[in-house]
Amino acid sequence: MTRNRTIGFILALLIFVADQAMKAWVVEGLGIDAPGKAIEVVSFFDLRFVANIGVSLGLLAAETDTMRWGLVALTAAIAGGVGWWMLKEQNRQDLFALSLVLGGALGNIVDRVRFGYVVDYADLHFGEWRPFLVFNVADAAITIGVLILLIRALFVREKPKAENSGAPVENANA
């Protein structure tokens, strides 16, 4: 199981690096670095700068420095809990999902520490209808990881491993 945990932490690191690299490319490489700046990629997807001071769905908006650092502390504690859970988790699929959550959380925490907000840029829309708020790689990884955990918790039942007591199995038809 140590190998799976190592792979899990490497995956979290890769998610973190991909998130930070994509944000740097959008903001610095493409110059989408202020509210209102955007580039249309295709008719239903834009790269659009949003400085997100809250968390999911705009909840817990950190409008002051105290609130910002409180949010950093809260999300860091959650990320620490996810990391601890990864050290204890035995199921490979759950470990994979937790890796997505941890990598995404770390990416957004770094943004909040560096800038005071999280850089969001992915804007999926169909005309004026937006099925999601503007998001980033970290947000997508967290969402996918949480969905995997929820689906597994609600719909997937692990079969208990048969215990081998060493006693011969009796034939019921005999």
Foldseek 3Di string as FASTA:
>chain_A
DVVLLVVLQVLLQVLLVVQVVVLCCLCPVVVQPDAPDWDDPDPFKIFHWDFQQDDAPNPQRQPDPVSLVVVLVVLVVVLVVLNVCSVVDDDSLLSNLSSLQNSLSVNQSVCCVVPVGGIFTIFGGDVPDGPGDGHTSSVVSNVVSVVSVVCCVPPNDDDDDDDCPVDDDDDPVD
